[in-house]
Each structure stands twice: as structure tokens, then as C-alpha cells.
Amino acid sequence: YICHWAVNLGFNIQEPPFDNPDIRWAISYALDRDLIVEAGWEGASTASELFLPHFPGLSPFLDNIQDLLAEYPTT
């Protein structure tokens, strides 16, 4: 069956070290999303930069962070 339930990783950003955006970007950069999809879902899904993939309401957000994604690649 098809399940459109996004799986994501969250942190308490009020406490160190996760209150530092550079730490969070480093973790994001270190994750091999394609490998996670392959290992966890046997390739039956796709990786996404957003926590709700293919959600039209978030398109402006993704457009606005293109410079950050270029500086801190996530894949």
C-alpha cells in the first residue's frame, strides 16, 4: 500500500549543541538520504529536502532557501 507519511528527524533546538544552526546543517549534510530510503524502505520512496515532500504550500519556502542549500548541500 502507499503511505504518504513523511519520516523526519527532529531536535530540541533550545538546547546545545542543537541550538547552533551550523550543527544542524552539518547533521543534514552528513545524512545519506538515498541510502536511508534504500535501507529503510527498500527504495520504495524518495528523499526530500522538505519535511512534507511535494506539498505545494512549501514551494515558496524551498525557493527562498536555495542559497542555503547551495552553501550547505543536503544530499
C-alpha atoms as a PDB file:
ATOM      1  CA  TYR A   1       0.000   0.000   0.000  1.00  0.00           C
ATOM      2  CA  ILE A   2       1.045   3.590  -0.455  1.00  0.00           C
ATOM      3  CA  CYS A   3       1.581   5.680   2.642  1.00  0.00           C
ATOM      4  CA  HIS A   4       2.212   9.403   2.392  1.00  0.00           C
ATOM      5  CA  TRP A   5       3.616   9.683   5.885  1.00  0.00           C
ATOM      6  CA  ALA A   6       6.864  11.588   5.926  1.00  0.00           C
ATOM      7  CA  VAL A   7       9.574  10.372   8.285  1.00  0.00           C
ATOM      8  CA  ASN A   8      11.830  13.088   9.622  1.00  0.00           C
ATOM      9  CA  LEU A   9      14.476  13.751  12.216  1.00  0.00           C
ATOM     10  CA  GLY A  10      13.870  16.433  14.826  1.00  0.00           C
ATOM     11  CA  PHE A  11      15.921  18.100  17.548  1.00  0.00           C
ATOM     12  CA  ASN A  12      15.316  20.254  20.602  1.00  0.00           C
ATOM     13  CA  ILE A  13      16.825  23.445  19.194  1.00  0.00           C
ATOM     14  CA  GLN A  14      16.613  25.193  22.555  1.00  0.00           C
ATOM     15  CA  GLU A  15      19.495  23.130  23.974  1.00  0.00           C
ATOM     16  CA  PRO A  16      23.158  22.780  22.922  1.00  0.00           C
ATOM     17  CA  PRO A  17      24.527  21.599  20.635  1.00  0.00           C
ATOM     18  CA  PHE A  18      21.371  21.666  18.506  1.00  0.00           C
ATOM     19  CA  ASP A  19      20.742  25.356  19.187  1.00  0.00           C
ATOM     20  CA  ASN A  20      23.572  26.006  16.715  1.00  0.00           C
ATOM     21  CA  PRO A  21      22.264  26.072  13.110  1.00  0.00           C
ATOM     22  CA  ASP A  22      25.696  25.044  11.817  1.00  0.00           C
ATOM     23  CA  ILE A  23      25.465  21.814  13.834  1.00  0.00           C
ATOM     24  CA  ARG A  24      22.051  21.081  12.369  1.00  0.00           C
ATOM     25  CA  TRP A  25      23.330  21.784   8.837  1.00  0.00           C
ATOM     26  CA  ALA A  26      26.301  19.500   9.479  1.00  0.00           C
ATOM     27  CA  ILE A  27      23.988  16.663  10.505  1.00  0.00           C
ATOM     28  CA  SER A  28      21.810  17.289   7.477  1.00  0.00           C
ATOM     29  CA  TYR A  29      24.869  17.262   5.243  1.00  0.00           C
ATOM     30  CA  ALA A  30      26.127  14.009   6.767  1.00  0.00           C
ATOM     31  CA  LEU A  31      22.891  12.101   6.161  1.00  0.00           C
ATOM     32  CA  ASP A  32      22.813   9.984   3.027  1.00  0.00           C
ATOM     33  CA  ARG A  33      19.102  10.279   2.336  1.00  0.00           C
ATOM     34  CA  ASP A  34      19.158   7.931  -0.633  1.00  0.00           C
ATOM     35  CA  LEU A  35      20.873   5.253   1.462  1.00  0.00           C
ATOM     36  CA  ILE A  36      18.300   5.702   4.231  1.00  0.00           C
ATOM     37  CA  VAL A  37      15.478   5.254   1.708  1.00  0.00           C
ATOM     38  CA  GLU A  38      17.151   2.178   0.248  1.00  0.00           C
ATOM     39  CA  ALA A  39      17.924   0.576   3.620  1.00  0.00           C
ATOM     40  CA  GLY A  40      14.707   1.502   5.407  1.00  0.00           C
ATOM     41  CA  TRP A  41      12.149   1.304   2.632  1.00  0.00           C
ATOM     42  CA  GLU A  42      13.904  -0.890   0.064  1.00  0.00           C
ATOM     43  CA  GLY A  43      13.902   2.013  -2.387  1.00  0.00           C
ATOM     44  CA  ALA A  44      10.104   2.323  -2.293  1.00  0.00           C
ATOM     45  CA  SER A  45      10.250   6.055  -1.602  1.00  0.00           C
ATOM     46  CA  THR A  46      12.213   9.161  -2.494  1.00  0.00           C
ATOM     47  CA  ALA A  47      14.288  11.534  -0.391  1.00  0.00           C
ATOM     48  CA  SER A  48      13.161  15.130   0.016  1.00  0.00           C
ATOM     49  CA  GLU A  49      14.671  18.392   1.231  1.00  0.00           C
ATOM     50  CA  LEU A  50      11.377  19.281   2.915  1.00  0.00           C
ATOM     51  CA  PHE A  51       9.668  17.653   5.867  1.00  0.00           C
ATOM     52  CA  LEU A  52       6.442  17.350   3.823  1.00  0.00           C
ATOM     53  CA  PRO A  53       7.564  16.313   0.353  1.00  0.00           C
ATOM     54  CA  HIS A  54       5.672  17.589  -2.677  1.00  0.00           C
ATOM     55  CA  PHE A  55       3.478  19.876  -0.574  1.00  0.00           C
ATOM     56  CA  PRO A  56       2.709  22.903  -2.780  1.00  0.00           C
ATOM     57  CA  GLY A  57       2.349  25.255   0.180  1.00  0.00           C
ATOM     58  CA  LEU A  58       6.043  24.826   0.996  1.00  0.00           C
ATOM     59  CA  SER A  59       7.309  25.627  -2.503  1.00  0.00           C
ATOM     60  CA  PRO A  60       7.937  29.316  -1.670  1.00  0.00           C
ATOM     61  CA  PHE A  61       9.949  28.232   1.382  1.00  0.00           C
ATOM     62  CA  LEU A  62      12.113  25.921  -0.729  1.00  0.00           C
ATOM     63  CA  ASP A  63      12.599  28.688  -3.301  1.00  0.00           C
ATOM     64  CA  ASN A  64      13.744  31.065  -0.539  1.00  0.00           C
ATOM     65  CA  ILE A  65      16.393  28.723   0.862  1.00  0.00           C
ATOM     66  CA  GLN A  66      18.127  27.811  -2.392  1.00  0.00           C
ATOM     67  CA  ASP A  67      21.165  29.886  -1.359  1.00  0.00           C
ATOM     68  CA  LEU A  68      21.420  27.942   1.917  1.00  0.00           C
ATOM     69  CA  LEU A  69      21.048  24.616   0.113  1.00  0.00           C
ATOM     70  CA  ALA A  70      23.864  25.665  -2.220  1.00  0.00           C
ATOM     71  CA  GLU A  71      26.064  26.619   0.747  1.00  0.00           C
ATOM     72  CA  TYR A  72      25.097  23.556   2.799  1.00  0.00           C
ATOM     73  CA  PRO A  73      24.237  20.735   0.366  1.00  0.00           C
ATOM     74  CA  THR A  74      21.926  18.130   1.866  1.00  0.00           C
ATOM     75  CA  THR A  75      22.429  15.212  -0.498  1.00  0.00           C
END
